[in-house]
Protein backbone atom coordinates (compact mmCIF):
# COMPACT_ATOMS: atom_id res chain seq x y z
CA MET A 1 79.30 103.91 84.31
CA ARG A 2 75.68 103.28 83.33
CA ASN A 3 76.47 99.88 81.82
CA SER A 4 77.65 98.49 85.16
CA ARG A 5 77.47 94.90 86.30
CA ARG A 6 73.69 95.37 86.59
CA ASP A 7 73.34 96.03 82.85
CA ALA A 8 75.69 93.15 82.08
CA ARG A 9 73.52 90.81 84.15
CA GLN A 10 70.41 91.97 82.29
CA TRP A 11 72.06 91.24 78.95
CA GLN A 12 73.40 87.88 80.08
CA ASN A 13 70.01 86.74 81.33
CA LEU A 14 68.17 87.85 78.19
CA TYR A 15 70.75 87.09 75.53
CA PRO A 16 73.48 84.67 76.64
CA GLN A 17 74.54 84.25 73.01
CA LEU A 18 75.96 87.78 73.08
CA TYR A 19 78.79 86.52 75.23
CA GLU A 20 80.09 84.11 72.59
CA GLY A 21 82.66 86.56 71.24
CA ARG A 22 80.13 89.31 70.56
CA LYS A 23 79.64 92.61 72.28
CA VAL A 24 77.03 95.14 73.27
CA LYS A 25 77.52 98.75 72.12
CA ASP A 26 76.45 101.63 74.33
CA VAL A 27 74.97 104.37 72.11
CA THR A 28 73.93 107.58 73.85
CA PHE A 29 71.44 110.14 72.56
CA ILE A 30 71.95 113.55 74.16
CA VAL A 31 68.38 114.77 73.70
CA THR A 32 68.76 118.10 75.49
CA HIS A 33 71.37 120.42 76.98
CA GLN A 34 68.84 121.67 79.52
CA CYS A 35 68.20 120.42 83.05
CA ASN A 36 65.79 121.38 85.81
CA LEU A 37 68.51 120.89 88.45
CA ARG A 38 71.84 122.57 89.06
CA CYS A 39 73.80 119.92 90.97
CA THR A 40 76.94 121.48 92.40
CA TYR A 41 79.26 118.69 91.23
CA CYS A 42 77.82 118.39 87.72
CA TYR A 43 80.44 118.39 84.97
CA GLU A 44 77.88 119.76 82.49
CA GLY A 45 78.73 123.38 83.03
CA HIS A 46 77.27 124.80 79.81
CA LYS A 47 73.55 124.05 79.99
CA SER A 48 71.32 125.74 77.44
CA ASP A 49 68.02 125.32 75.60
CA ARG A 50 69.66 123.36 72.76
CA ARG A 51 67.72 120.16 72.05
CA MET A 52 67.67 117.40 69.48
CA ASP A 53 64.83 117.63 66.97
CA LEU A 54 63.07 114.56 65.60
CA GLU A 55 64.57 114.76 62.11
CA THR A 56 68.09 114.84 63.52
CA ALA A 57 67.23 111.93 65.80
CA LYS A 58 65.95 109.89 62.86
CA ARG A 59 69.13 110.55 60.93
CA CYS A 60 71.14 109.34 63.94
CA VAL A 61 69.14 106.10 63.95
CA ASP A 62 69.54 105.73 60.19
CA LEU A 63 73.29 106.22 60.56
CA LEU A 64 73.51 103.35 63.05
CA PHE A 65 71.83 100.96 60.62
CA ALA A 66 73.93 102.24 57.70
CA GLU A 67 77.20 101.85 59.61
CA ASP A 68 76.23 98.33 60.63
CA ALA A 69 75.27 97.42 57.07
CA ARG A 70 78.72 98.36 55.81
CA GLY A 71 80.41 96.60 58.74
CA SER A 72 82.10 99.75 59.95
CA GLU A 73 84.87 99.70 62.50
CA LEU A 74 82.72 100.80 65.44
CA VAL A 75 79.26 99.47 64.51
CA ASN A 76 79.23 95.89 63.27
CA ASP A 77 77.88 92.45 64.10
CA VAL A 78 80.74 91.70 66.51
CA ASP A 79 81.23 95.02 68.33
CA ALA A 80 77.54 96.01 68.27
CA HIS A 81 75.67 92.73 68.09
CA GLY A 82 73.32 94.28 70.63
CA LEU A 83 72.68 97.90 71.54
CA ILE A 84 72.06 99.72 74.77
CA LEU A 85 70.20 102.83 73.66
CA ALA A 86 70.96 105.35 76.39
CA PHE A 87 69.16 108.67 76.75
CA ILE A 88 70.69 111.49 78.71
CA GLY A 89 70.76 115.28 78.95
CA GLY A 90 70.69 117.52 80.80
CA GLU A 91 67.59 115.83 82.06
CA PRO A 92 66.27 113.44 79.38
CA PHE A 93 62.74 113.25 80.77
CA LEU A 94 62.32 116.91 79.80
CA GLU A 95 62.17 115.46 76.27
CA ILE A 96 60.22 112.28 76.99
CA GLU A 97 58.04 112.65 73.87
CA LEU A 98 61.17 112.83 71.69
CA VAL A 99 62.68 109.80 73.46
CA ASP A 100 59.48 107.86 72.77
CA GLN A 101 59.54 108.90 69.11
CA ILE A 102 63.18 107.86 68.75
CA MET A 103 62.46 104.42 70.16
CA SER A 104 59.42 103.97 67.91
CA TYR A 105 61.42 104.94 64.84
CA PHE A 106 64.34 102.70 65.84
CA LEU A 107 62.08 99.66 66.23
CA ASP A 108 60.17 100.42 63.02
CA ARG A 109 63.44 100.54 61.07
CA ALA A 110 64.72 97.36 62.73
CA MET A 111 61.54 95.48 61.77
CA GLU A 112 61.55 96.87 58.24
CA LEU A 113 65.10 95.60 57.79
CA ASP A 114 64.47 92.39 59.73
CA HIS A 115 67.52 93.44 61.72
CA ARG A 116 68.89 91.67 64.79
CA TRP A 117 68.38 94.86 66.80
CA GLN A 118 64.62 94.39 66.75
CA THR A 119 65.22 92.00 69.67
CA GLN A 120 68.84 92.68 70.65
CA TYR A 121 68.36 96.01 72.38
CA MET A 122 67.77 97.58 75.74
CA VAL A 123 67.01 101.11 76.86
CA ASN A 124 68.76 103.04 79.61
CA ILE A 125 67.74 106.43 80.94
CA SER A 126 69.81 108.35 83.47
CA THR A 127 67.57 110.79 85.32
CA ASN A 128 67.48 113.01 88.36
CA GLY A 129 64.08 111.49 89.16
CA THR A 130 62.18 114.73 89.66
CA LEU A 131 59.78 114.18 86.74
CA GLY A 132 58.62 110.72 87.67
CA ASP A 133 55.02 111.78 88.21
CA ASP A 134 54.65 113.04 84.61
CA PRO A 135 51.99 110.80 82.95
CA ARG A 136 54.06 110.69 79.76
CA VAL A 137 57.04 109.34 81.70
CA GLN A 138 54.85 106.74 83.38
CA ARG A 139 53.45 105.61 80.01
CA PHE A 140 56.93 105.27 78.55
CA MET A 141 58.11 103.19 81.48
CA ARG A 142 55.13 100.84 81.14
CA LYS A 143 55.61 100.63 77.39
CA TYR A 144 59.21 99.44 77.66
CA ALA A 145 58.97 97.45 80.88
CA GLY A 146 61.40 94.55 80.71
CA ARG A 147 63.63 96.40 78.26
CA LEU A 148 64.11 99.58 80.26
CA SER A 149 66.67 100.40 82.93
CA VAL A 150 66.01 103.73 84.67
CA SER A 151 68.97 105.01 86.69
CA VAL A 152 67.75 107.47 89.32
CA THR A 153 70.54 109.17 91.22
CA ILE A 154 69.94 109.33 94.96
CA ASP A 155 72.83 110.64 97.03
CA GLY A 156 71.78 108.95 100.24
CA ALA A 157 69.51 110.46 102.84
CA LYS A 158 67.85 113.83 102.42
CA GLU A 159 70.69 115.88 103.92
CA ALA A 160 73.38 114.34 101.71
CA HIS A 161 71.25 114.44 98.58
CA ASP A 162 70.11 118.02 99.06
CA ALA A 163 73.64 119.20 99.85
CA CYS A 164 74.51 119.01 96.15
CA ARG A 165 71.43 118.11 94.09
CA VAL A 166 69.46 121.37 93.98
CA ASP A 167 67.09 123.03 91.53
CA LEU A 168 67.40 126.42 89.87
CA GLN A 169 66.17 128.13 93.02
CA GLY A 170 68.64 126.28 95.22
CA ASN A 171 66.04 123.93 96.72
CA GLY A 172 66.91 120.31 97.39
CA SER A 173 65.41 117.66 95.11
CA TYR A 174 65.32 114.63 97.44
CA ASP A 175 61.58 114.64 98.16
CA ARG A 176 60.78 114.52 94.43
CA ALA A 177 63.52 112.13 93.38
CA ILE A 178 62.97 109.51 96.08
CA GLN A 179 59.46 108.77 94.85
CA MET A 180 60.68 107.75 91.40
CA PHE A 181 63.63 105.90 92.87
CA ARG A 182 61.26 103.76 94.92
CA GLN A 183 59.26 102.92 91.80
CA THR A 184 62.29 101.66 89.92
CA GLY A 185 64.68 98.84 90.61
CA GLY A 186 67.27 96.65 89.03
CA PRO A 187 66.84 93.10 87.73
CA GLU A 188 65.40 90.48 90.04
CA GLY A 189 63.90 93.20 92.20
CA GLY A 190 67.23 94.60 93.34
CA ARG A 191 67.66 98.34 93.77
CA THR A 192 70.64 100.11 92.22
CA THR A 193 71.80 103.70 92.37
CA LYS A 194 74.93 105.76 91.99
CA TYR A 195 76.41 108.09 94.58
CA THR A 196 78.77 110.73 93.23
CA ILE A 197 81.33 111.69 95.88
CA ALA A 198 82.27 115.35 95.70
CA PRO A 199 83.96 117.81 98.05
CA GLY A 200 80.55 119.10 99.11
CA ASN A 201 79.15 115.75 100.29
CA VAL A 202 82.09 113.49 101.18
CA HIS A 203 81.49 114.10 104.90
CA LEU A 204 77.97 112.67 104.57
CA PHE A 205 78.85 109.45 102.78
CA ALA A 206 78.53 106.92 105.63
CA GLU A 207 75.11 108.13 106.71
CA ALA A 208 74.02 108.22 103.08
CA VAL A 209 75.00 104.60 102.56
CA ARG A 210 73.32 103.56 105.80
CA HIS A 211 70.10 105.17 104.58
CA LEU A 212 70.29 103.66 101.12
CA VAL A 213 71.12 100.16 102.33
CA LEU A 214 69.10 99.78 105.51
CA GLU A 215 66.10 101.99 104.72
CA GLU A 216 65.83 101.94 100.92
CA GLY A 217 67.01 98.38 100.32
CA VAL A 218 69.74 99.24 97.80
CA GLU A 219 71.60 96.11 96.70
CA THR A 220 74.13 97.70 94.35
CA LEU A 221 75.66 101.09 95.08
CA ASN A 222 78.03 102.38 92.42
CA CYS A 223 80.06 105.29 93.71
CA ASN A 224 83.17 107.18 92.73
CA CYS A 225 84.96 110.43 93.46
CA VAL A 226 84.63 113.10 90.81
CA TYR A 227 87.74 113.44 88.65
CA GLU A 228 87.71 117.22 88.57
CA GLU A 229 90.23 119.41 90.34
CA GLY A 230 89.38 120.48 93.88
CA TRP A 231 90.31 117.60 96.18
CA THR A 232 92.54 118.24 99.20
CA LEU A 233 94.41 116.01 101.64
CA GLU A 234 91.74 116.72 104.25
CA HIS A 235 89.09 115.39 101.87
CA ALA A 236 91.11 112.16 101.64
CA ARG A 237 91.25 111.88 105.42
CA GLU A 238 87.51 112.42 105.59
CA LEU A 239 86.87 109.82 102.87
CA TYR A 240 88.82 107.22 104.86
CA ARG A 241 86.80 107.99 107.99
CA GLN A 242 83.55 107.75 106.07
CA LEU A 243 84.50 104.49 104.35
CA LYS A 244 85.60 102.93 107.62
CA GLN A 245 82.22 103.79 109.17
CA THR A 246 80.52 102.37 106.10
CA SER A 247 82.53 99.15 106.40
CA ASP A 248 81.55 98.76 110.05
CA MET A 249 77.89 99.31 109.22
CA LEU A 250 77.90 96.77 106.39
CA ARG A 251 79.69 94.17 108.47
CA GLU A 252 77.57 94.60 111.59
CA SER A 253 74.30 94.61 109.66
CA GLY A 254 75.26 91.47 107.75
CA THR A 255 74.09 92.92 104.44
CA ASP A 256 75.70 91.77 101.21
CA THR A 257 75.11 95.08 99.43
CA TYR A 258 77.76 95.74 96.81
CA VAL A 259 79.42 99.12 97.40
CA SER A 260 81.76 99.63 94.47
CA ILE A 261 84.24 101.93 96.19
CA LEU A 262 85.03 99.11 98.65
CA ASP A 263 85.49 96.53 95.91
CA TRP A 264 88.37 94.10 96.47
CA GLU A 265 90.14 94.50 93.12
CA ALA A 266 91.46 98.05 93.54
CA GLY A 267 94.78 98.88 95.15
CA GLU A 268 96.99 96.24 93.54
CA PRO A 269 100.13 96.86 91.47
CA LEU A 270 99.72 96.53 87.71
CA PRO A 271 102.20 94.71 85.46
CA GLU A 272 103.83 96.41 82.51
CA THR A 273 101.79 94.15 80.26
CA ASP A 274 98.58 95.82 81.43
CA THR A 275 98.01 98.43 78.75
CA GLN A 276 94.25 98.92 79.03
CA ASN A 277 92.75 102.38 78.86
CA TRP A 278 90.28 102.17 81.72
CA CYS A 279 87.84 104.70 80.27
CA GLY A 280 85.44 103.68 77.49
CA GLY A 281 85.36 107.19 76.06
CA ASP A 282 87.96 106.20 73.50
CA GLY A 283 85.57 105.01 70.78
CA ARG A 284 84.20 101.92 72.49
CA MET A 285 81.08 103.96 73.22
CA LEU A 286 79.26 106.34 70.90
CA ALA A 287 77.19 109.44 71.55
CA PHE A 288 75.01 111.63 69.35
CA ASP A 289 74.93 115.28 70.38
CA VAL A 290 71.82 117.39 69.87
CA ASP A 291 72.95 118.48 66.39
CA GLY A 292 73.80 114.97 65.18
CA THR A 293 77.53 115.21 65.82
CA VAL A 294 79.04 111.81 66.67
CA LEU A 295 81.24 111.82 69.78
CA PRO A 296 83.30 109.11 71.51
CA CYS A 297 81.05 109.56 74.56
CA MET A 298 78.65 112.17 75.88
CA ARG A 299 81.34 113.76 78.10
CA TYR A 300 82.87 115.28 74.93
CA SER A 301 79.71 117.31 74.27
CA SER A 302 79.83 121.10 74.34
CA ILE A 303 77.54 120.95 77.37
CA SER A 304 80.58 119.57 79.24
CA ILE A 305 83.83 120.49 77.50
CA ASP A 306 85.20 123.87 78.49
CA ASN A 307 87.10 126.05 75.99
CA ARG A 308 88.01 123.25 73.59
CA PRO A 309 86.88 122.48 70.04
CA SER A 310 84.62 119.48 69.58
CA PHE A 311 86.41 116.13 69.60
CA ARG A 312 84.01 114.76 67.03
CA ILE A 313 84.50 111.51 65.14
CA GLY A 314 81.64 111.97 62.67
CA ASP A 315 78.16 113.32 62.07
CA VAL A 316 74.87 112.33 60.45
CA GLU A 317 75.94 113.94 57.17
CA CYS A 318 79.31 112.24 56.71
CA GLY A 319 79.10 109.09 58.78
CA ILE A 320 81.61 107.87 61.35
CA ALA A 321 85.33 108.45 60.72
CA ARG A 322 84.76 109.16 57.00
CA ARG A 323 86.28 112.65 56.97
CA ALA A 324 90.05 112.84 57.31
CA ASP A 325 89.95 114.91 60.49
CA ASP A 326 87.35 112.62 62.10
CA ARG A 327 89.48 109.62 61.21
CA GLU A 328 92.56 111.30 62.67
CA ARG A 329 90.78 111.89 65.99
CA LEU A 330 89.58 108.28 66.11
CA GLU A 331 93.13 107.07 65.50
CA VAL A 332 94.29 109.18 68.45
CA LEU A 333 91.71 107.49 70.65
CA LYS A 334 92.63 104.02 69.41
CA GLY A 335 96.28 104.67 70.24
CA ILE A 336 95.64 105.46 73.91
CA THR A 337 97.08 103.00 76.40
CA ARG A 338 97.68 103.18 80.09
CA GLN A 339 101.34 103.78 79.34
CA SER A 340 100.88 106.41 76.63
CA GLN A 341 98.77 108.70 78.78
CA SER A 342 100.33 108.22 82.22
CA GLU A 343 103.22 109.87 84.02
CA GLN A 344 105.94 107.56 85.32
CA LYS A 345 104.63 107.98 88.87
CA CYS A 346 101.36 106.36 87.78
CA LEU A 347 103.10 103.48 86.03
CA ASP A 348 105.25 102.86 89.12
CA CYS A 349 102.34 103.25 91.55
CA PRO A 350 102.10 100.19 93.85
CA ILE A 351 98.31 100.59 94.16
CA ALA A 352 97.53 101.41 90.53
CA SER A 353 94.61 99.05 89.94
CA GLY A 354 91.21 100.66 90.22
CA CYS A 355 92.53 104.20 89.86
CA ALA A 356 90.18 105.67 87.28
CA TRP A 357 90.23 108.55 84.86
CA CYS A 358 88.03 110.20 82.26
CA THR A 359 89.47 110.40 78.75
CA ALA A 360 87.21 113.33 77.86
CA TYR A 361 88.19 115.25 80.99
CA ASN A 362 91.82 114.62 80.09
CA TYR A 363 91.08 116.32 76.77
CA GLU A 364 89.30 119.19 78.46
CA ARG A 365 92.18 119.93 80.82
CA THR A 366 95.22 119.12 78.67
CA GLY A 367 94.06 119.49 75.06
CA THR A 368 94.56 115.81 74.31
CA PRO A 369 92.71 112.70 75.50
CA ASN A 370 96.10 110.97 75.69
CA LYS A 371 97.39 112.78 78.79
CA ARG A 372 96.02 111.72 82.14
CA VAL A 373 95.13 114.15 84.92
CA THR A 374 95.68 112.95 88.48
CA TYR A 375 93.62 115.08 90.80
CA ILE A 376 92.26 112.05 92.65
CA CYS A 377 95.56 110.51 93.81
CA ASN A 378 94.95 111.12 97.53
CA MET A 379 91.33 110.02 97.24
CA HIS A 380 92.41 106.75 95.61
CA GLN A 381 94.93 106.20 98.39
CA ALA A 382 92.24 106.75 101.03
CA ARG A 383 89.95 104.34 99.22
CA VAL A 384 92.61 101.63 99.12
CA LEU A 385 93.37 102.00 102.82
CA ALA A 386 89.67 101.64 103.58
CA GLN A 387 89.48 98.55 101.37
CA CYS A 388 92.29 96.94 103.34
CA TYR A 389 90.41 97.63 106.55
CA HIS A 390 87.11 96.42 105.09
CA HIS A 391 88.25 93.12 103.63
CA ASN A 392 90.62 92.16 106.42
CA MET A 393 87.90 92.82 108.99
CA LEU A 394 85.55 90.63 106.96
CA HIS A 395 88.28 87.98 106.81
CA ARG A 396 88.57 88.12 110.61
CA LYS A 397 84.82 87.55 110.85
CA ASP A 398 84.76 84.85 108.18
CA PRO A 399 88.09 83.23 107.14
CA ALA A 400 86.50 82.23 103.82
CA HIS A 401 86.43 85.91 102.83
CA ALA A 402 89.54 86.81 100.80
CA PRO A 403 91.90 89.06 102.77
CA LYS A 404 93.51 92.16 101.27
CA ALA A 405 97.24 92.82 101.04
CA MET A 406 98.53 96.29 101.89
CA HIS A 407 100.69 97.58 99.06
CA ILE A 408 100.44 101.26 99.92
CA PRO A 409 103.69 102.90 101.10
CA GLU A 410 103.83 103.84 104.77
CA ASP A 411 104.44 107.54 104.16
CA TRP A 412 101.38 107.79 101.90
CA ALA A 413 99.22 106.00 104.45
CA VAL A 414 100.40 107.91 107.51
CA GLU A 415 99.72 111.22 105.79
CA ILE A 416 96.06 110.20 105.47
CA VAL A 417 95.24 108.04 108.51
CA GLY A 418 98.00 108.92 110.97
CA PRO A 419 100.62 106.61 112.57
CA GLU A 420 98.31 104.87 115.08
CA GLU A 421 95.63 103.96 112.53
CA TYR A 422 98.33 102.82 110.13
CA ARG A 423 99.81 100.54 112.81
CA GLN A 424 96.37 99.00 113.35
CA LEU A 425 95.93 98.42 109.62
CA VAL A 426 99.33 96.73 109.46
CA GLU A 427 98.47 94.48 112.41
CA LEU A 428 95.16 93.59 110.78
CA ALA A 429 96.93 92.70 107.53
CA GLN A 430 99.52 90.64 109.43
CA GLU A 431 96.73 88.77 111.22
CA ALA A 432 95.25 87.95 107.81
CA GLY A 433 98.62 86.74 106.54
CA GLN A 434 98.97 89.61 104.10
CA LEU A 435 102.22 91.11 105.34
């Protein structure tokens, strides 16, 4: 989710012409499989000292220009009129010199070719923030100021952050990460971060949001539950409690901070005509692994995928989807729809909108990206119940705020919030004219 509404706003402000039927392509360089943290919820379970060397990186850049020149299916003037060059690991700032060299080479090639990408580009780096005091990192950030979005993950206040985001010795990383977080911000001075909700920190969510919003001035908080197996019904009950507390805090403080998990759009039924595959890891994004393998997104890398062969769609030697087996895998991805990958219970779900999945994790667990895993069902239900509370309470405070209909079945709701809380949610929805 790096290219969230923040990135879209950056692009729209800088290059409004991109939105006249043309798109921005997210291209990720996995510069290292190593990290100086060992976050407990991290899906990258196979860290190692593997890293991308400069020659491989240059060939990745050359491949982008070559694919665009031939108007390939995934890299062309329409689908990749602009690029977001994303750098990730592991921890990408461990390889800051390589990242700087890649950007220099990319811009040199763009100018040599008089290519649109010499101006139609931005840079995104997702970091744990612990290396922000490195002079090389500081120089890079100054060098690309105005083109650079640095996403520093801060999981709320110190207790919540340090519960999961620890170093190799088991020490929390908050005190190091918060310094870099405070140096960075989104467009127009707004602060943005992402909170990953996992079994180990769900009980700390409300206090974490309070800290981020009221003390750190966060204006956009993207947050989601991890897709991996491990959630229980009690976690769902706790998530509802935490989201309700968060809603009360936001409403009482009067802040307009955007907290994505409370967004209005989720929790609605979806029509049969809605066929969209929610996840962009189906070829809409591209990623270069450390050895120059082309992947549909970085989540398919061997640093993440467990006991599965690579789901590659190309490499720097052959190009993208040139080999028969690469083409076959890309065709599988292109054929994925909401219907093709989902069980009937998902298609019939009355609160289906906003329920997310990871195409690469589907592949990891089932052997195909076209079969959806559903470990987060109860967490999605808890989220939707909290959204109904949140938006109908806001509607009570300000009738101009759009109320939220309750589509969730009673038995699902009662299992999570209990009969008394469910009755109160129903009464609130009735008051708002939504039942």
